Amino acid sequence: MEQVVEIIWDITKYLCGCAKQEAGFICELEGNLQSLEHEWNMLAAKKKDVEAQIKEVEGIGEGQRTDEVGVWLQSIQKIEKEVKDNLDQGAQETENKCLSKCCPKNCKSSYKVGKNVAKMLTEVDKLTAEGQRFGKDYQITHKPPHKGIGQIPLDGTVGQDLIFDKVWSRIEANNVGVIGLYGTGGVGKTTLLKKISNELGKRKPDFLVIWVVVSKERNLDAIMDNIRKSAGIGDVAWSSCNSREEKSSKILHALERKKFALLLDDVWERLDLNSVGVPYPKDSNFESKVLFTTRLEDVCEKMQAQESFKVDFLNEKEALELFYMKVGEKTLNSHPRIKVLAEEMAAECRGLPLALSVVGVLWLV
């Protein structure tokens, strides 16, 4: 009998507790509403501060938000509409009372709203507690992965070792920032620039290597877009710029704190570095470098190059070596006359690497 009484007593206490909790959703609705509004405003303010810090860092390509902060921001955004809806519904319930505004007119409705408000208050409190970690000394962003061009696929080269060594010695020099490579079209300027790009990636991993094809019909907007992507300036920050000057300023802000090598291929006329946001290497004590290729020697002077190098035709031995490389041993040894014909074809190409490569590949077809 005593056990039955104890069981009944326990059940009674449980039911009373449940009833008390359920009644609390109605009785405490007004107080919970005030708390929810206050806590939500504080959380929204914290969110705004964190987003401002992230925008400043991401906008100049110096970092990106951590995954933890990203999830926290998404969680706030996800519940925003629900919080505001509950605040509106709760305000209506507190106004809709009888008996001198002491009792709700619809207990069922007040209970439902009160329960939802209490639930949202718990979620907001939880997010507020999580956000308190994102203070002054907490890392809310991290360095973005190294961008730049990376390694460029490149076939074997012939006859460029000497000029490569000369150019590289000037890259290493502490009083040279702009280097021009000029010569006839098809002579191998782009190939040499690609080789330099790959070596920069290997020998100077701290450099941000940026590759841009300029061409005769140059497009400044396309050039700047290419540079900003390599510099790590995100799409959102870029699209927020209202003018070319703003974009230029954003690129400048991102590059002036980096050591970079800007490689411009196929330049036909002077490109004002400042107009596309690239700081002139001299202003950074020549720690950064700008290299470009052009068919026109006078462009080197217009680009204020401290050093200029002519990329010349291959000599007879180099031309034949490149042609043999493109044709391949199997084809060369397939018939006694092949090597004789190859020498004649190589001579016709007059040491022009592009022509030698194209004709050599055609022999394989």
Protein backbone atom coordinates (compact mmCIF):
# COMPACT_ATOMS: atom_id res chain seq x y z
CA MET A 1 0.00 0.00 0.00
CA GLU A 2 2.83 2.41 0.88
CA GLN A 3 4.44 1.76 -2.52
CA VAL A 4 1.20 2.63 -4.32
CA VAL A 5 0.93 5.86 -2.34
CA GLU A 6 4.52 6.78 -3.25
CA ILE A 7 3.87 6.11 -6.92
CA ILE A 8 0.72 8.23 -6.86
CA TRP A 9 2.61 11.00 -5.08
CA ASP A 10 5.42 10.94 -7.64
CA ILE A 11 2.94 11.07 -10.51
CA THR A 12 1.12 13.94 -8.85
CA LYS A 13 4.36 15.91 -8.40
CA TYR A 14 5.31 15.27 -12.01
CA LEU A 15 1.92 16.42 -13.29
CA CYS A 16 2.01 19.50 -11.07
CA GLY A 17 5.48 20.32 -12.35
CA CYS A 18 4.33 19.96 -15.93
CA ALA A 19 1.30 22.11 -15.25
CA LYS A 20 3.48 24.73 -13.60
CA GLN A 21 5.85 24.77 -16.58
CA GLU A 22 2.98 24.98 -19.06
CA ALA A 23 1.36 27.79 -17.06
CA GLY A 24 4.72 29.54 -16.97
CA PHE A 25 4.68 29.91 -20.74
CA ILE A 26 1.56 32.09 -20.31
CA CYS A 27 2.45 33.91 -17.10
CA GLU A 28 6.03 34.69 -18.12
CA LEU A 29 5.25 35.61 -21.72
CA GLU A 30 5.64 39.37 -21.22
CA GLY A 31 8.94 39.02 -19.34
CA ASN A 32 10.30 36.53 -21.88
CA LEU A 33 9.33 38.86 -24.70
CA GLN A 34 11.33 41.71 -23.18
CA SER A 35 14.31 39.40 -22.64
CA LEU A 36 14.08 38.03 -26.19
CA GLU A 37 13.96 41.52 -27.70
CA HIS A 38 16.97 42.65 -25.64
CA GLU A 39 19.03 39.53 -26.29
CA TRP A 40 18.22 39.57 -30.00
CA ASN A 41 19.28 43.22 -30.35
CA MET A 42 22.57 42.43 -28.59
CA LEU A 43 23.15 39.39 -30.79
CA ALA A 44 22.35 41.36 -33.97
CA ALA A 45 24.83 44.05 -32.91
CA LYS A 46 27.53 41.43 -32.30
CA LYS A 47 26.82 39.90 -35.70
CA LYS A 48 27.17 43.30 -37.34
CA ASP A 49 30.54 43.92 -35.65
CA VAL A 50 31.89 40.50 -36.69
CA GLU A 51 30.70 40.98 -40.27
CA ALA A 52 32.42 44.39 -40.40
CA GLN A 53 35.73 42.82 -39.32
CA ILE A 54 35.37 40.05 -41.88
CA LYS A 55 34.47 42.49 -44.66
CA GLU A 56 37.58 44.56 -43.97
CA VAL A 57 39.88 41.52 -44.15
CA GLU A 58 38.19 39.72 -47.04
CA GLY A 59 37.86 42.92 -49.03
CA ILE A 60 41.63 43.35 -49.32
CA GLY A 61 42.39 39.68 -49.84
CA GLU A 62 44.20 39.31 -46.51
CA GLY A 63 42.11 36.43 -45.21
CA GLN A 64 38.73 34.74 -45.10
CA ARG A 65 36.25 33.86 -42.38
CA THR A 66 36.82 30.68 -40.42
CA ASP A 67 34.31 27.85 -40.81
CA GLU A 68 33.24 28.25 -37.16
CA VAL A 69 32.38 31.92 -37.62
CA GLY A 70 30.65 31.13 -40.91
CA VAL A 71 28.38 28.56 -39.26
CA TRP A 72 27.60 31.01 -36.41
CA LEU A 73 26.58 33.75 -38.84
CA GLN A 74 24.43 31.35 -40.85
CA SER A 75 22.70 30.15 -37.68
CA ILE A 76 21.74 33.74 -36.78
CA GLN A 77 20.50 34.43 -40.28
CA LYS A 78 18.47 31.22 -40.21
CA ILE A 79 16.48 32.15 -37.07
CA GLU A 80 16.13 35.90 -37.75
CA LYS A 81 12.69 35.71 -39.37
CA GLU A 82 11.41 33.30 -36.71
CA VAL A 83 12.57 35.59 -33.88
CA LYS A 84 10.88 38.62 -35.41
CA ASP A 85 7.68 36.69 -36.04
CA ASN A 86 7.59 35.54 -32.40
CA LEU A 87 8.20 39.07 -31.16
CA ASP A 88 5.28 40.33 -33.26
CA GLN A 89 2.96 37.51 -32.17
CA GLY A 90 3.97 37.91 -28.53
CA ALA A 91 3.28 41.64 -28.64
CA GLN A 92 -0.20 40.95 -30.01
CA GLU A 93 -0.91 38.40 -27.25
CA THR A 94 0.14 40.78 -24.46
CA GLU A 95 -2.18 43.42 -25.88
CA ASN A 96 -5.07 41.00 -26.31
CA LYS A 97 -6.04 40.52 -22.62
CA CYS A 98 -9.20 40.86 -20.53
CA LEU A 99 -9.92 41.62 -16.85
CA SER A 100 -7.96 44.86 -16.92
CA LYS A 101 -5.31 43.15 -19.04
CA CYS A 102 -4.56 40.58 -16.36
CA CYS A 103 -5.66 37.41 -18.18
CA PRO A 104 -5.28 36.29 -21.79
CA LYS A 105 -8.45 36.07 -23.83
CA ASN A 106 -7.23 32.89 -25.51
CA CYS A 107 -5.16 30.70 -23.20
CA LYS A 108 -4.41 28.16 -25.92
CA SER A 109 -3.03 30.83 -28.23
CA SER A 110 -1.03 32.49 -25.43
CA TYR A 111 0.39 29.14 -24.40
CA LYS A 112 1.54 28.35 -27.94
CA VAL A 113 3.13 31.76 -28.43
CA GLY A 114 4.68 31.70 -24.95
CA LYS A 115 6.22 28.30 -25.60
CA ASN A 116 7.70 29.47 -28.93
CA VAL A 117 9.06 32.66 -27.35
CA ALA A 118 10.74 30.67 -24.57
CA LYS A 119 12.25 28.33 -27.16
CA MET A 120 13.62 31.23 -29.25
CA LEU A 121 15.02 32.88 -26.13
CA THR A 122 16.99 29.70 -25.40
CA GLU A 123 18.37 29.58 -28.96
CA VAL A 124 19.32 33.27 -28.93
CA ASP A 125 21.03 32.89 -25.55
CA LYS A 126 23.00 29.94 -26.93
CA LEU A 127 24.17 31.90 -29.99
CA THR A 128 25.03 34.89 -27.79
CA ALA A 129 27.19 32.65 -25.59
CA GLU A 130 28.95 31.28 -28.70
CA GLY A 131 29.50 34.78 -30.06
CA GLN A 132 31.20 35.95 -26.87
CA ARG A 133 34.27 33.96 -27.98
CA PHE A 134 34.67 36.17 -31.03
CA GLY A 135 36.34 38.96 -29.13
CA LYS A 136 39.40 41.08 -29.82
CA ASP A 137 41.91 38.26 -29.37
CA TYR A 138 39.87 35.57 -31.15
CA GLN A 139 40.80 34.70 -34.72
CA ILE A 140 37.66 35.07 -36.79
CA THR A 141 39.56 34.96 -40.11
CA HIS A 142 42.51 32.99 -41.39
CA LYS A 143 44.98 33.48 -44.20
CA PRO A 144 43.58 32.41 -47.56
CA PRO A 145 45.33 29.62 -49.46
CA HIS A 146 48.22 30.86 -51.60
CA LYS A 147 46.86 32.02 -54.91
CA GLY A 148 48.74 33.13 -57.99
CA ILE A 149 49.26 31.19 -61.17
CA GLY A 150 51.02 28.07 -59.92
CA GLN A 151 53.10 25.89 -62.26
CA ILE A 152 52.46 26.27 -66.00
CA PRO A 153 52.71 23.18 -68.25
CA LEU A 154 55.78 23.70 -70.41
CA ASP A 155 57.45 21.58 -73.09
CA GLY A 156 61.20 21.24 -73.27
CA THR A 157 63.02 24.38 -74.42
CA VAL A 158 66.15 24.85 -76.48
CA GLY A 159 68.57 27.76 -76.62
CA GLN A 160 67.08 29.77 -73.74
CA ASP A 161 69.43 28.85 -70.91
CA LEU A 162 71.77 31.77 -71.46
CA ILE A 163 69.10 34.48 -71.67
CA PHE A 164 67.19 32.87 -68.79
CA ASP A 165 70.28 33.12 -66.57
CA LYS A 166 70.74 36.77 -67.54
CA VAL A 167 67.12 37.63 -66.77
CA TRP A 168 67.20 35.72 -63.49
CA SER A 169 70.29 37.60 -62.34
CA ARG A 170 68.34 40.84 -62.76
CA ILE A 171 65.36 39.38 -60.90
CA GLU A 172 67.73 38.76 -58.01
CA ALA A 173 69.16 42.28 -58.22
CA ASN A 174 68.03 44.74 -55.53
CA ASN A 175 67.94 47.73 -57.88
CA VAL A 176 65.81 46.27 -60.70
CA GLY A 177 62.03 46.10 -60.58
CA VAL A 178 60.76 46.18 -64.17
CA ILE A 179 62.22 43.88 -66.84
CA GLY A 180 61.25 43.80 -70.51
CA LEU A 181 61.63 40.91 -72.96
CA TYR A 182 61.28 41.98 -76.60
CA GLY A 183 61.60 40.26 -79.97
CA THR A 184 59.84 39.05 -83.09
CA GLY A 185 56.54 37.23 -82.75
CA GLY A 186 57.03 33.49 -82.35
CA VAL A 187 60.62 33.81 -81.19
CA GLY A 188 59.91 32.30 -77.75
CA LYS A 189 59.21 35.27 -75.45
CA THR A 190 56.09 33.71 -73.92
CA THR A 191 57.86 30.38 -73.43
CA LEU A 192 60.70 32.17 -71.65
CA LEU A 193 58.23 34.06 -69.45
CA LYS A 194 56.48 30.78 -68.56
CA LYS A 195 59.82 29.27 -67.59
CA ILE A 196 60.52 32.29 -65.39
CA SER A 197 57.06 31.96 -63.81
CA ASN A 198 57.66 28.32 -62.92
CA GLU A 199 61.10 29.07 -61.47
CA LEU A 200 59.66 31.90 -59.37
CA GLY A 201 57.22 29.41 -57.89
CA LYS A 202 60.05 27.02 -57.02
CA ARG A 203 62.81 29.41 -55.93
CA LYS A 204 60.72 32.17 -54.39
CA PRO A 205 57.65 30.53 -52.79
CA ASP A 206 56.98 33.69 -50.77
CA PHE A 207 56.24 35.57 -54.01
CA LEU A 208 52.70 35.97 -55.31
CA VAL A 209 53.08 35.20 -59.02
CA ILE A 210 50.44 36.84 -61.23
CA TRP A 211 50.12 36.04 -64.94
CA VAL A 212 48.17 38.37 -67.25
CA VAL A 213 47.80 38.25 -71.03
CA VAL A 214 47.49 41.86 -72.21
CA SER A 215 47.28 41.53 -76.05
CA LYS A 216 46.95 44.23 -78.70
CA GLU A 217 43.27 44.94 -77.95
CA ARG A 218 43.91 45.32 -74.24
CA ASN A 219 41.01 45.45 -71.80
CA LEU A 220 41.83 47.21 -68.53
CA ASP A 221 38.80 45.78 -66.73
CA ALA A 222 39.77 42.23 -67.70
CA ILE A 223 43.39 42.87 -66.68
CA MET A 224 42.31 44.18 -63.27
CA ASP A 225 39.89 41.29 -62.78
CA ASN A 226 42.71 38.84 -63.48
CA ILE A 227 45.03 40.57 -61.02
CA ARG A 228 42.45 40.81 -58.21
CA LYS A 229 41.63 37.09 -58.46
CA SER A 230 45.31 36.20 -58.09
CA ALA A 231 45.61 38.65 -55.20
CA GLY A 232 42.72 36.94 -53.39
CA ILE A 233 40.14 39.72 -53.60
CA GLY A 234 36.74 38.01 -53.43
CA ASP A 235 33.80 38.46 -55.79
CA VAL A 236 31.62 40.17 -53.17
CA ALA A 237 34.25 42.78 -52.30
CA TRP A 238 34.99 43.34 -55.99
CA SER A 239 31.36 43.75 -57.02
CA SER A 240 30.88 46.35 -54.29
CA CYS A 241 33.26 48.73 -56.12
CA ASN A 242 31.43 51.41 -58.08
CA SER A 243 34.29 52.62 -60.26
CA ARG A 244 37.60 51.60 -61.77
CA GLU A 245 39.33 53.89 -59.28
CA GLU A 246 37.81 51.96 -56.35
CA LYS A 247 38.91 48.68 -57.91
CA SER A 248 42.40 50.04 -58.46
CA SER A 249 42.57 51.14 -54.84
CA LYS A 250 41.48 47.70 -53.63
CA ILE A 251 44.18 45.98 -55.71
CA LEU A 252 46.78 48.46 -54.47
CA HIS A 253 45.81 47.82 -50.86
CA ALA A 254 46.11 44.05 -51.42
CA LEU A 255 49.47 44.13 -53.23
CA GLU A 256 51.39 46.81 -51.36
CA ARG A 257 51.81 44.47 -48.39
CA LYS A 258 52.99 41.52 -50.50
CA LYS A 259 56.04 40.54 -52.48
CA PHE A 260 54.71 39.84 -55.95
CA ALA A 261 55.87 39.14 -59.48
CA LEU A 262 53.50 40.46 -62.14
CA LEU A 263 54.11 38.77 -65.50
CA LEU A 264 52.52 40.62 -68.43
CA ASP A 265 52.49 38.75 -71.74
CA ASP A 266 52.09 40.39 -75.15
CA VAL A 267 52.23 44.11 -74.31
CA TRP A 268 51.82 46.42 -77.32
CA GLU A 269 51.79 49.81 -75.67
CA ARG A 270 52.57 51.36 -72.30
CA LEU A 271 50.45 50.02 -69.47
CA ASP A 272 50.24 52.43 -66.55
CA LEU A 273 50.73 50.20 -63.51
CA ASN A 274 49.06 52.70 -61.19
CA SER A 275 45.90 52.67 -63.31
CA VAL A 276 45.39 48.97 -62.59
CA GLY A 277 46.36 49.24 -58.92
CA VAL A 278 49.86 47.74 -59.17
CA PRO A 279 52.43 49.52 -56.98
CA TYR A 280 55.59 50.38 -58.87
CA PRO A 281 58.41 48.05 -57.65
CA LYS A 282 60.71 50.97 -56.92
CA ASP A 283 58.29 52.12 -54.20
CA SER A 284 58.82 48.82 -52.34
CA ASN A 285 62.64 48.92 -52.63
CA PHE A 286 62.42 46.60 -55.65
CA GLU A 287 61.23 43.67 -53.52
CA SER A 288 58.44 43.08 -56.05
CA LYS A 289 59.00 42.57 -59.79
CA VAL A 290 57.19 43.27 -63.05
CA LEU A 291 58.24 41.36 -66.18
CA PHE A 292 56.63 41.75 -69.59
CA THR A 293 56.98 40.54 -73.17
CA THR A 294 56.56 42.75 -76.23
CA ARG A 295 57.33 42.75 -79.92
CA LEU A 296 58.29 46.42 -79.81
CA GLU A 297 61.59 47.48 -78.28
CA ASP A 298 60.40 51.04 -77.54
CA VAL A 299 57.66 49.66 -75.26
CA CYS A 300 60.44 48.68 -72.83
CA GLU A 301 61.38 52.34 -72.47
CA LYS A 302 57.76 53.43 -72.18
CA MET A 303 57.20 50.85 -69.43
CA GLN A 304 60.22 52.32 -67.56
CA ALA A 305 62.06 49.00 -67.59
CA GLN A 306 65.36 49.08 -65.71
CA GLU A 307 66.56 46.14 -67.84
CA SER A 308 65.58 44.97 -71.33
CA PHE A 309 66.55 41.74 -73.09
CA LYS A 310 66.16 40.81 -76.75
CA VAL A 311 64.88 37.27 -77.29
CA ASP A 312 66.53 36.27 -80.57
CA PHE A 313 66.25 33.52 -83.17
CA LEU A 314 67.87 30.15 -82.54
CA ASN A 315 71.17 29.41 -84.22
CA GLU A 316 71.44 26.52 -86.69
CA LYS A 317 72.42 23.93 -84.08
CA GLU A 318 69.70 25.02 -81.62
CA ALA A 319 67.06 25.08 -84.36
CA LEU A 320 67.87 21.53 -85.42
CA GLU A 321 67.88 20.34 -81.81
CA LEU A 322 64.40 21.80 -81.21
CA PHE A 323 63.11 20.35 -84.47
CA TYR A 324 64.44 16.90 -83.58
CA MET A 325 62.82 17.21 -80.15
CA LYS A 326 59.42 17.95 -81.68
CA VAL A 327 59.66 15.23 -84.36
CA GLY A 328 60.85 12.53 -81.96
CA GLU A 329 63.43 9.75 -82.22
CA LYS A 330 60.99 7.20 -83.61
CA THR A 331 60.10 9.34 -86.64
CA LEU A 332 63.71 10.44 -87.22
CA ASN A 333 64.93 6.84 -87.37
CA SER A 334 62.04 5.53 -89.43
CA HIS A 335 63.85 6.20 -92.77
CA PRO A 336 67.42 7.21 -93.77
CA ARG A 337 66.15 10.27 -95.67
CA ILE A 338 64.18 11.65 -92.72
CA LYS A 339 67.12 13.36 -91.03
CA VAL A 340 68.17 15.03 -94.29
CA LEU A 341 64.65 16.33 -94.85
CA ALA A 342 64.49 17.45 -91.23
CA GLU A 343 67.66 19.54 -91.66
CA GLU A 344 66.18 21.17 -94.75
CA MET A 345 62.90 21.95 -92.98
CA ALA A 346 64.69 23.34 -89.92
CA ALA A 347 66.73 25.64 -92.17
CA GLU A 348 63.52 26.89 -93.83
CA CYS A 349 62.16 27.89 -90.42
CA ARG A 350 65.18 30.23 -90.01
CA GLY A 351 65.57 29.63 -86.27
CA LEU A 352 62.02 30.67 -85.36
CA PRO A 353 60.96 28.41 -82.45
CA LEU A 354 57.22 28.67 -83.09
CA ALA A 355 57.62 27.63 -86.75
CA LEU A 356 59.98 24.79 -85.79
CA SER A 357 57.52 23.50 -83.20
CA VAL A 358 54.50 23.67 -85.52
CA VAL A 359 56.24 22.01 -88.47
CA GLY A 360 57.84 19.41 -86.20
CA VAL A 361 54.46 18.42 -84.75
CA LEU A 362 52.91 18.26 -88.25
CA TRP A 363 55.48 15.63 -89.18
CA LEU A 364 53.93 13.38 -86.56
CA VAL A 365 50.45 13.57 -88.06
